[in-house]
Amino acid sequence: MSAARRLLRFNPRLLQSRTNKRTAAVTGAAATPPHTSVGNAVLFSGSAQCRRPEGRVTVHFINRDGQKITTSGAEGDSLLDVVVDQKLDIPGYGACEGTLACSTCHLILEQEVYDQLGHIIDEEQDMLDLAYGLTETSRLGCQVCLSRSLEGATVRVPAGLFDMRRADSSGSSSSA
């Protein structure tokens, strides 16, 4: 059973939230409103769910091999949503599907972009502590929501990743 599934199994509110979000996407109905607002994200059981206003935002990803990938996402999508929805080739990215149970969506932001974002919640900081190549401007892509102020932002994918699902007892890192 994956870490995400285990987390959802033990956190029914999070499972309900994810189910409501998927149902809303299929039926066009409004999802259940989240509980707490922080910056441009809203917290529900410890993970960010971004608001969904209109518009698209262009973002540039620098992949592990140095390739620049320019794409866009809907305002309110997380950077993880953009990678998944646009099927960007970033192996191992977002293993826990945005449930704050890993650090595989770790991104390194430009200082100006980092400064525009809200504060880091404790759960995100805990996962960042496990991230490969941590920097002063590191954030998890599942916690960064697109807004107009991020138009044209460049984010860098670290050279490697630390995925607890593949780590042996020595805590090895796997690089893609």
N, C-alpha and C. Protein backbone atom coordinates (compact mmCIF):
# COMPACT_ATOMS: atom_id res chain seq x y z
N MET A 1 0.85 -1.17 0.00
CA MET A 1 0.00 0.00 0.00
C MET A 1 0.90 1.24 0.00
N SER A 2 0.61 2.19 -0.87
CA SER A 2 1.44 3.39 -0.96
C SER A 2 1.27 4.27 0.27
N ALA A 3 2.25 5.16 0.47
CA ALA A 3 2.19 6.09 1.60
C ALA A 3 0.94 6.95 1.51
N ALA A 4 0.59 7.38 0.29
CA ALA A 4 -0.59 8.22 0.12
C ALA A 4 -1.86 7.47 0.50
N ARG A 5 -1.94 6.22 0.09
CA ARG A 5 -3.12 5.42 0.43
C ARG A 5 -3.21 5.20 1.94
N ARG A 6 -2.04 4.93 2.58
CA ARG A 6 -2.05 4.74 4.05
C ARG A 6 -2.53 6.00 4.73
N LEU A 7 -2.04 7.17 4.27
CA LEU A 7 -2.44 8.43 4.88
C LEU A 7 -3.94 8.65 4.70
N LEU A 8 -4.45 8.38 3.51
CA LEU A 8 -5.88 8.57 3.25
C LEU A 8 -6.71 7.59 4.08
N ARG A 9 -6.18 6.39 4.26
CA ARG A 9 -6.90 5.39 5.04
C ARG A 9 -7.07 5.83 6.49
N PHE A 10 -6.06 6.50 7.03
CA PHE A 10 -6.11 6.91 8.43
C PHE A 10 -6.60 8.34 8.61
N ASN A 11 -6.89 9.05 7.55
CA ASN A 11 -7.35 10.43 7.64
C ASN A 11 -8.61 10.59 6.78
N PRO A 12 -9.78 10.19 7.29
CA PRO A 12 -11.00 10.21 6.48
C PRO A 12 -11.39 11.60 5.99
N ARG A 13 -11.05 12.67 6.76
CA ARG A 13 -11.38 14.02 6.29
C ARG A 13 -10.62 14.34 5.01
N LEU A 14 -9.36 13.94 4.94
CA LEU A 14 -8.56 14.17 3.75
C LEU A 14 -9.10 13.36 2.59
N LEU A 15 -9.47 12.10 2.85
CA LEU A 15 -10.06 11.27 1.81
C LEU A 15 -11.34 11.90 1.29
N GLN A 16 -12.19 12.40 2.18
CA GLN A 16 -13.44 13.04 1.77
C GLN A 16 -13.14 14.28 0.92
N SER A 17 -12.14 15.05 1.32
CA SER A 17 -11.77 16.25 0.58
C SER A 17 -11.33 15.89 -0.84
N ARG A 18 -10.45 14.87 -0.97
CA ARG A 18 -9.96 14.47 -2.28
C ARG A 18 -11.10 13.91 -3.12
N THR A 19 -12.02 13.14 -2.49
CA THR A 19 -13.16 12.59 -3.20
C THR A 19 -14.07 13.71 -3.69
N ASN A 20 -14.35 14.70 -2.84
CA ASN A 20 -15.18 15.83 -3.24
C ASN A 20 -14.56 16.59 -4.39
N LYS A 21 -13.24 16.78 -4.36
CA LYS A 21 -12.54 17.51 -5.42
C LYS A 21 -12.67 16.76 -6.75
N ARG A 22 -12.46 15.43 -6.71
CA ARG A 22 -12.58 14.64 -7.94
C ARG A 22 -14.02 14.62 -8.44
N THR A 23 -14.98 14.48 -7.53
CA THR A 23 -16.40 14.49 -7.92
C THR A 23 -16.76 15.82 -8.54
N ALA A 24 -16.28 16.91 -7.96
CA ALA A 24 -16.56 18.23 -8.51
C ALA A 24 -15.99 18.38 -9.91
N ALA A 25 -14.80 17.82 -10.14
CA ALA A 25 -14.18 17.92 -11.45
C ALA A 25 -14.99 17.16 -12.49
N VAL A 26 -15.58 16.02 -12.11
CA VAL A 26 -16.36 15.22 -13.04
C VAL A 26 -17.75 15.80 -13.26
N THR A 27 -18.41 16.23 -12.18
CA THR A 27 -19.79 16.67 -12.27
C THR A 27 -19.95 18.16 -12.50
N GLY A 28 -18.89 18.94 -12.25
CA GLY A 28 -18.98 20.39 -12.38
C GLY A 28 -19.55 21.05 -11.13
N ALA A 29 -19.83 20.25 -10.11
CA ALA A 29 -20.37 20.79 -8.86
C ALA A 29 -19.24 21.40 -8.04
N ALA A 30 -19.59 22.25 -7.11
CA ALA A 30 -18.60 22.87 -6.22
C ALA A 30 -18.11 21.86 -5.21
N ALA A 31 -16.82 21.88 -4.95
CA ALA A 31 -16.23 20.99 -3.95
C ALA A 31 -16.56 21.52 -2.56
N THR A 32 -16.46 20.64 -1.57
CA THR A 32 -16.68 21.04 -0.19
C THR A 32 -15.68 22.12 0.19
N PRO A 33 -16.14 23.23 0.79
CA PRO A 33 -15.20 24.30 1.12
C PRO A 33 -14.20 23.85 2.18
N PRO A 34 -12.93 24.27 2.02
CA PRO A 34 -11.92 23.92 3.00
C PRO A 34 -12.08 24.73 4.28
N HIS A 35 -11.27 24.42 5.28
CA HIS A 35 -11.45 25.01 6.59
C HIS A 35 -10.64 26.26 6.89
N THR A 36 -9.37 26.31 6.57
CA THR A 36 -8.50 27.40 6.99
C THR A 36 -7.81 28.01 5.79
N SER A 37 -7.68 29.33 5.76
CA SER A 37 -7.02 30.01 4.65
C SER A 37 -5.65 30.50 5.09
N VAL A 38 -4.62 30.23 4.24
CA VAL A 38 -3.26 30.70 4.50
C VAL A 38 -2.70 31.19 3.18
N GLY A 39 -2.46 32.49 3.05
CA GLY A 39 -1.93 33.04 1.80
C GLY A 39 -2.86 32.74 0.65
N ASN A 40 -2.32 32.21 -0.45
CA ASN A 40 -3.17 31.87 -1.58
C ASN A 40 -3.57 30.40 -1.55
N ALA A 41 -3.35 29.72 -0.42
CA ALA A 41 -3.74 28.33 -0.26
C ALA A 41 -4.70 28.22 0.92
N VAL A 42 -5.49 27.18 0.89
CA VAL A 42 -6.37 26.89 2.00
C VAL A 42 -6.00 25.53 2.54
N LEU A 43 -5.98 25.39 3.86
CA LEU A 43 -5.55 24.15 4.48
C LEU A 43 -6.74 23.30 4.85
N PHE A 44 -6.62 22.02 4.57
CA PHE A 44 -7.63 21.05 4.93
C PHE A 44 -6.88 19.80 5.34
N SER A 45 -6.89 19.47 6.59
CA SER A 45 -6.19 18.31 7.11
C SER A 45 -4.70 18.35 6.79
N GLY A 46 -4.10 19.54 6.83
CA GLY A 46 -2.66 19.65 6.71
C GLY A 46 -2.10 19.77 5.31
N SER A 47 -2.91 19.73 4.27
CA SER A 47 -2.36 19.89 2.93
C SER A 47 -3.06 21.05 2.23
N ALA A 48 -2.36 21.66 1.29
CA ALA A 48 -2.90 22.83 0.60
C ALA A 48 -3.87 22.41 -0.49
N GLN A 49 -4.97 23.10 -0.56
CA GLN A 49 -5.86 23.02 -1.69
C GLN A 49 -5.97 24.44 -2.18
N CYS A 50 -5.60 24.66 -3.41
CA CYS A 50 -5.53 26.02 -3.92
C CYS A 50 -6.90 26.49 -4.37
N ARG A 51 -7.11 27.78 -4.23
CA ARG A 51 -8.35 28.37 -4.73
C ARG A 51 -8.37 28.27 -6.24
N ARG A 52 -9.52 28.28 -6.85
CA ARG A 52 -9.66 28.08 -8.28
C ARG A 52 -10.25 29.29 -9.00
N PRO A 53 -9.55 30.44 -9.03
CA PRO A 53 -10.05 31.56 -9.82
C PRO A 53 -9.79 31.30 -11.31
N GLU A 54 -10.25 32.20 -12.14
CA GLU A 54 -10.08 32.07 -13.59
C GLU A 54 -8.68 32.48 -14.02
N GLY A 55 -8.28 32.09 -15.23
CA GLY A 55 -7.03 32.53 -15.82
C GLY A 55 -5.96 31.46 -15.81
N ARG A 56 -4.92 31.68 -16.63
CA ARG A 56 -3.80 30.75 -16.72
C ARG A 56 -2.52 31.49 -16.40
N VAL A 57 -1.57 30.76 -15.85
CA VAL A 57 -0.29 31.33 -15.44
C VAL A 57 0.82 30.49 -16.09
N THR A 58 1.76 31.16 -16.74
CA THR A 58 2.90 30.49 -17.36
C THR A 58 4.00 30.29 -16.34
N VAL A 59 4.56 29.07 -16.33
CA VAL A 59 5.64 28.72 -15.40
C VAL A 59 6.72 28.00 -16.20
N HIS A 60 7.98 28.26 -15.85
CA HIS A 60 9.11 27.59 -16.48
C HIS A 60 9.74 26.64 -15.46
N PHE A 61 9.86 25.37 -15.83
CA PHE A 61 10.52 24.37 -14.99
C PHE A 61 11.89 24.09 -15.59
N ILE A 62 12.91 24.06 -14.76
CA ILE A 62 14.23 23.59 -15.19
C ILE A 62 14.35 22.17 -14.65
N ASN A 63 14.33 21.19 -15.55
CA ASN A 63 14.33 19.79 -15.19
C ASN A 63 15.69 19.37 -14.63
N ARG A 64 15.78 18.16 -14.11
CA ARG A 64 17.03 17.66 -13.52
C ARG A 64 18.18 17.65 -14.51
N ASP A 65 17.86 17.48 -15.80
CA ASP A 65 18.92 17.45 -16.82
C ASP A 65 19.23 18.84 -17.37
N GLY A 66 18.64 19.88 -16.79
CA GLY A 66 18.89 21.25 -17.23
C GLY A 66 17.97 21.74 -18.33
N GLN A 67 17.08 20.90 -18.79
CA GLN A 67 16.14 21.26 -19.85
C GLN A 67 15.07 22.21 -19.30
N LYS A 68 14.82 23.30 -20.05
CA LYS A 68 13.78 24.25 -19.64
C LYS A 68 12.46 23.84 -20.28
N ILE A 69 11.45 23.66 -19.45
CA ILE A 69 10.12 23.27 -19.90
C ILE A 69 9.17 24.41 -19.55
N THR A 70 8.57 25.01 -20.56
CA THR A 70 7.61 26.09 -20.34
C THR A 70 6.22 25.53 -20.50
N THR A 71 5.38 25.79 -19.51
CA THR A 71 4.01 25.31 -19.54
C THR A 71 3.13 26.31 -18.81
N SER A 72 1.86 26.02 -18.74
CA SER A 72 0.96 26.89 -17.99
C SER A 72 -0.05 26.05 -17.23
N GLY A 73 -0.57 26.66 -16.18
CA GLY A 73 -1.58 26.00 -15.37
C GLY A 73 -2.65 27.00 -15.01
N ALA A 74 -3.76 26.49 -14.57
CA ALA A 74 -4.86 27.36 -14.18
C ALA A 74 -4.49 28.09 -12.90
N GLU A 75 -4.88 29.35 -12.83
CA GLU A 75 -4.69 30.10 -11.59
C GLU A 75 -5.35 29.31 -10.48
N GLY A 76 -4.62 29.09 -9.39
CA GLY A 76 -5.15 28.31 -8.28
C GLY A 76 -4.64 26.89 -8.25
N ASP A 77 -4.12 26.37 -9.37
CA ASP A 77 -3.52 25.03 -9.36
C ASP A 77 -2.22 25.07 -8.58
N SER A 78 -1.87 23.95 -7.98
CA SER A 78 -0.55 23.85 -7.35
C SER A 78 0.47 23.52 -8.43
N LEU A 79 1.75 23.73 -8.14
CA LEU A 79 2.79 23.36 -9.10
C LEU A 79 2.78 21.85 -9.34
N LEU A 80 2.42 21.06 -8.33
CA LEU A 80 2.27 19.62 -8.52
C LEU A 80 1.17 19.34 -9.53
N ASP A 81 0.03 20.04 -9.42
CA ASP A 81 -1.06 19.86 -10.38
C ASP A 81 -0.58 20.14 -11.81
N VAL A 82 0.22 21.18 -11.98
CA VAL A 82 0.73 21.54 -13.31
C VAL A 82 1.57 20.41 -13.88
N VAL A 83 2.49 19.87 -13.07
CA VAL A 83 3.36 18.78 -13.54
C VAL A 83 2.53 17.57 -13.94
N VAL A 84 1.56 17.21 -13.12
CA VAL A 84 0.73 16.04 -13.39
C VAL A 84 -0.20 16.30 -14.58
N ASP A 85 -0.92 17.41 -14.58
CA ASP A 85 -1.89 17.70 -15.64
C ASP A 85 -1.23 17.86 -17.01
N GLN A 86 -0.03 18.44 -17.03
CA GLN A 86 0.68 18.66 -18.30
C GLN A 86 1.58 17.47 -18.66
N LYS A 87 1.58 16.45 -17.82
CA LYS A 87 2.38 15.24 -18.03
C LYS A 87 3.85 15.56 -18.30
N LEU A 88 4.41 16.44 -17.47
CA LEU A 88 5.81 16.81 -17.61
C LEU A 88 6.70 15.63 -17.20
N ASP A 89 7.79 15.46 -17.91
CA ASP A 89 8.68 14.34 -17.69
C ASP A 89 9.65 14.64 -16.54
N ILE A 90 9.15 14.44 -15.31
CA ILE A 90 9.98 14.61 -14.11
C ILE A 90 9.80 13.33 -13.29
N PRO A 91 10.68 12.35 -13.52
CA PRO A 91 10.52 11.04 -12.86
C PRO A 91 10.47 11.14 -11.34
N GLY A 92 9.53 10.41 -10.74
CA GLY A 92 9.41 10.34 -9.30
C GLY A 92 8.75 11.52 -8.64
N TYR A 93 8.36 12.52 -9.42
CA TYR A 93 7.81 13.76 -8.87
C TYR A 93 6.41 13.54 -8.32
N GLY A 94 6.16 13.98 -7.10
CA GLY A 94 4.82 13.95 -6.51
C GLY A 94 4.33 12.56 -6.13
N ALA A 95 5.20 11.75 -5.55
CA ALA A 95 4.87 10.37 -5.24
C ALA A 95 3.66 10.23 -4.31
N CYS A 96 3.46 11.17 -3.39
CA CYS A 96 2.35 11.04 -2.43
C CYS A 96 1.08 11.74 -2.91
N GLU A 97 1.11 12.27 -4.12
CA GLU A 97 -0.06 12.93 -4.71
C GLU A 97 -0.50 14.16 -3.93
N GLY A 98 0.44 14.85 -3.32
CA GLY A 98 0.12 16.11 -2.64
C GLY A 98 -0.44 15.98 -1.25
N THR A 99 -0.19 14.87 -0.58
CA THR A 99 -0.74 14.68 0.77
C THR A 99 0.25 15.03 1.87
N LEU A 100 1.36 15.67 1.52
CA LEU A 100 2.41 16.04 2.47
C LEU A 100 2.98 14.83 3.20
N ALA A 101 3.18 13.75 2.45
CA ALA A 101 3.75 12.53 3.03
C ALA A 101 5.12 12.21 2.43
N CYS A 102 5.65 13.10 1.59
CA CYS A 102 6.99 12.89 1.01
C CYS A 102 7.56 14.25 0.62
N SER A 103 8.73 14.24 0.01
CA SER A 103 9.33 15.49 -0.45
C SER A 103 9.71 15.41 -1.92
N THR A 104 9.08 14.51 -2.67
CA THR A 104 9.45 14.31 -4.07
C THR A 104 9.00 15.43 -4.99
N CYS A 105 8.15 16.33 -4.52
CA CYS A 105 7.75 17.49 -5.33
C CYS A 105 8.55 18.73 -4.93
N HIS A 106 9.70 18.51 -4.28
CA HIS A 106 10.59 19.59 -3.86
C HIS A 106 11.04 20.39 -5.08
N LEU A 107 10.92 21.70 -4.98
CA LEU A 107 11.36 22.63 -6.03
C LEU A 107 12.22 23.72 -5.40
N ILE A 108 13.12 24.26 -6.20
CA ILE A 108 13.94 25.38 -5.76
C ILE A 108 13.46 26.60 -6.53
N LEU A 109 13.03 27.61 -5.81
CA LEU A 109 12.43 28.80 -6.40
C LEU A 109 13.43 29.94 -6.48
N GLU A 110 13.17 30.87 -7.38
CA GLU A 110 13.94 32.11 -7.40
C GLU A 110 13.59 32.89 -6.14
N GLN A 111 14.51 33.68 -5.64
CA GLN A 111 14.29 34.41 -4.39
C GLN A 111 13.05 35.29 -4.47
N GLU A 112 12.85 35.98 -5.60
CA GLU A 112 11.69 36.87 -5.75
C GLU A 112 10.38 36.09 -5.66
N VAL A 113 10.36 34.90 -6.24
CA VAL A 113 9.16 34.06 -6.21
C VAL A 113 8.94 33.56 -4.78
N TYR A 114 10.00 33.08 -4.15
CA TYR A 114 9.91 32.58 -2.79
C TYR A 114 9.35 33.64 -1.85
N ASP A 115 9.82 34.88 -2.01
CA ASP A 115 9.40 35.97 -1.14
C ASP A 115 7.92 36.31 -1.30
N GLN A 116 7.32 35.99 -2.44
CA GLN A 116 5.90 36.30 -2.69
C GLN A 116 4.96 35.31 -2.02
N LEU A 117 5.48 34.14 -1.67
CA LEU A 117 4.62 33.09 -1.13
C LEU A 117 4.38 33.28 0.36
N GLY A 118 3.32 32.67 0.83
CA GLY A 118 2.99 32.71 2.25
C GLY A 118 3.99 31.88 3.05
N HIS A 119 3.80 31.87 4.35
CA HIS A 119 4.71 31.13 5.22
C HIS A 119 4.58 29.63 5.01
N ILE A 120 5.57 28.90 5.43
CA ILE A 120 5.59 27.44 5.32
C ILE A 120 4.94 26.85 6.57
N ILE A 121 3.98 25.97 6.38
CA ILE A 121 3.35 25.32 7.53
C ILE A 121 4.29 24.23 8.06
N ASP A 122 4.08 23.84 9.30
CA ASP A 122 4.96 22.87 9.95
C ASP A 122 5.07 21.56 9.18
N GLU A 123 3.96 21.06 8.64
CA GLU A 123 3.97 19.80 7.92
C GLU A 123 4.84 19.87 6.68
N GLU A 124 4.80 21.01 5.97
CA GLU A 124 5.66 21.18 4.80
C GLU A 124 7.12 21.25 5.23
N GLN A 125 7.41 21.97 6.29
CA GLN A 125 8.79 22.08 6.76
C GLN A 125 9.33 20.71 7.17
N ASP A 126 8.50 19.89 7.80
CA ASP A 126 8.92 18.54 8.18
C ASP A 126 9.33 17.73 6.96
N MET A 127 8.57 17.82 5.88
CA MET A 127 8.90 17.09 4.65
C MET A 127 10.11 17.70 3.96
N LEU A 128 10.23 19.02 3.97
CA LEU A 128 11.40 19.66 3.36
C LEU A 128 12.69 19.24 4.07
N ASP A 129 12.61 18.97 5.36
CA ASP A 129 13.79 18.52 6.10
C ASP A 129 14.35 17.21 5.53
N LEU A 130 13.51 16.45 4.82
CA LEU A 130 13.93 15.18 4.21
C LEU A 130 14.34 15.34 2.75
N ALA A 131 14.19 16.52 2.20
CA ALA A 131 14.40 16.75 0.77
C ALA A 131 15.88 16.71 0.39
N TYR A 132 16.14 16.21 -0.80
CA TYR A 132 17.48 16.19 -1.36
C TYR A 132 17.81 17.58 -1.90
N GLY A 133 18.98 18.11 -1.59
CA GLY A 133 19.41 19.39 -2.15
C GLY A 133 18.65 20.59 -1.61
N LEU A 134 18.28 20.56 -0.36
CA LEU A 134 17.50 21.64 0.26
C LEU A 134 18.25 22.97 0.19
N THR A 135 17.53 24.05 -0.13
CA THR A 135 18.11 25.39 -0.18
C THR A 135 17.24 26.34 0.63
N GLU A 136 17.68 27.58 0.74
CA GLU A 136 16.92 28.61 1.46
C GLU A 136 15.61 28.94 0.75
N THR A 137 15.50 28.64 -0.55
CA THR A 137 14.29 28.98 -1.31
C THR A 137 13.55 27.71 -1.75
N SER A 138 13.70 26.62 -1.02
CA SER A 138 13.02 25.37 -1.33
C SER A 138 11.58 25.41 -0.85
N ARG A 139 10.70 24.85 -1.67
CA ARG A 139 9.29 24.65 -1.29
C ARG A 139 8.83 23.35 -1.91
N LEU A 140 7.73 22.81 -1.41
CA LEU A 140 7.11 21.64 -2.03
C LEU A 140 6.10 22.12 -3.06
N GLY A 141 6.17 21.54 -4.25
CA GLY A 141 5.27 21.95 -5.34
C GLY A 141 3.80 21.76 -5.02
N CYS A 142 3.49 20.82 -4.15
CA CYS A 142 2.08 20.60 -3.78
C CYS A 142 1.54 21.72 -2.90
N GLN A 143 2.43 22.56 -2.37
CA GLN A 143 2.03 23.63 -1.46
C GLN A 143 2.11 25.01 -2.08
N VAL A 144 2.56 25.10 -3.33
CA VAL A 144 2.68 26.39 -4.01
C VAL A 144 1.57 26.49 -5.04
N CYS A 145 0.68 27.44 -4.83
CA CYS A 145 -0.47 27.63 -5.72
C CYS A 145 -0.21 28.76 -6.70
N LEU A 146 -0.56 28.54 -7.95
CA LEU A 146 -0.35 29.55 -8.98
C LEU A 146 -1.26 30.75 -8.76
N SER A 147 -0.68 31.92 -8.95
CA SER A 147 -1.43 33.17 -8.91
C SER A 147 -0.83 34.08 -9.97
N ARG A 148 -1.50 35.16 -10.28
CA ARG A 148 -1.01 36.11 -11.30
C ARG A 148 0.40 36.58 -10.97
N SER A 149 0.71 36.72 -9.70
CA SER A 149 2.03 37.22 -9.30
C SER A 149 3.15 36.24 -9.66
N LEU A 150 2.82 34.99 -9.95
CA LEU A 150 3.82 33.99 -10.33
C LEU A 150 3.99 33.87 -11.84
N GLU A 151 3.32 34.71 -12.61
CA GLU A 151 3.41 34.67 -14.07
C GLU A 151 4.87 34.75 -14.50
N GLY A 152 5.31 33.76 -15.30
CA GLY A 152 6.67 33.73 -15.84
C GLY A 152 7.73 33.25 -14.86
N ALA A 153 7.33 32.75 -13.70
CA ALA A 153 8.29 32.28 -12.70
C ALA A 153 9.06 31.08 -13.22
N THR A 154 10.31 30.98 -12.79
CA THR A 154 11.15 29.82 -13.10
C THR A 154 11.41 29.06 -11.83
N VAL A 155 11.16 27.75 -11.87
CA VAL A 155 11.41 26.88 -10.73
C VAL A 155 12.35 25.76 -11.18
N ARG A 156 13.23 25.36 -10.29
CA ARG A 156 14.23 24.34 -10.63
C ARG A 156 13.95 23.06 -9.86
N VAL A 157 13.98 21.94 -10.57
CA VAL A 157 13.84 20.63 -9.94
C VAL A 157 15.24 20.22 -9.47
N PRO A 158 15.40 19.85 -8.20
CA PRO A 158 16.73 19.46 -7.70
C PRO A 158 17.32 18.30 -8.51
N ALA A 159 18.64 18.16 -8.44
CA ALA A 159 19.35 17.14 -9.22
C ALA A 159 18.96 15.72 -8.82
N GLY A 160 18.49 15.52 -7.62
CA GLY A 160 18.10 14.19 -7.16
C GLY A 160 16.87 14.27 -6.30
N LEU A 161 16.41 13.11 -5.85
CA LEU A 161 15.26 13.10 -4.95
C LEU A 161 15.47 12.02 -3.92
N PHE A 162 14.82 12.20 -2.79
CA PHE A 162 14.85 11.20 -1.73
C PHE A 162 13.44 10.68 -1.59
N ASP A 163 13.24 9.43 -1.98
CA ASP A 163 11.92 8.82 -1.96
C ASP A 163 11.96 7.68 -0.95
N MET A 164 11.26 7.86 0.17
CA MET A 164 11.28 6.87 1.25
C MET A 164 10.79 5.50 0.78
N ARG A 165 9.99 5.46 -0.27
CA ARG A 165 9.49 4.18 -0.77
C ARG A 165 10.62 3.34 -1.36
N ARG A 166 11.71 4.00 -1.80
CA ARG A 166 12.79 3.29 -2.47
C ARG A 166 14.08 3.28 -1.66
N ALA A 167 14.06 3.88 -0.49
CA ALA A 167 15.27 3.97 0.33
C ALA A 167 15.51 2.65 1.05
N ASP A 168 16.76 2.22 1.08
CA ASP A 168 17.09 1.05 1.88
C ASP A 168 17.39 1.52 3.30
N SER A 169 17.86 0.64 4.13
CA SER A 169 18.10 0.99 5.53
C SER A 169 19.16 2.06 5.72
N SER A 170 19.98 2.29 4.69
CA SER A 170 21.02 3.32 4.82
C SER A 170 20.51 4.70 4.41
N GLY A 171 19.26 4.78 3.93
CA GLY A 171 18.69 6.07 3.56
C GLY A 171 19.28 6.62 2.27
N SER A 172 19.51 5.76 1.29
CA SER A 172 20.12 6.20 0.05
C SER A 172 19.20 7.10 -0.75
N SER A 173 19.81 7.95 -1.55
CA SER A 173 19.06 8.83 -2.44
C SER A 173 19.05 8.22 -3.81
N SER A 174 17.98 8.45 -4.53
CA SER A 174 17.94 8.00 -5.92
C SER A 174 17.91 9.22 -6.80
N SER A 175 18.74 9.26 -7.80
CA SER A 175 18.80 10.37 -8.74
C SER A 175 18.24 9.92 -10.07
N ALA A 176 17.53 10.83 -10.70
CA ALA A 176 16.98 10.52 -12.01
C ALA A 176 17.75 11.23 -13.08
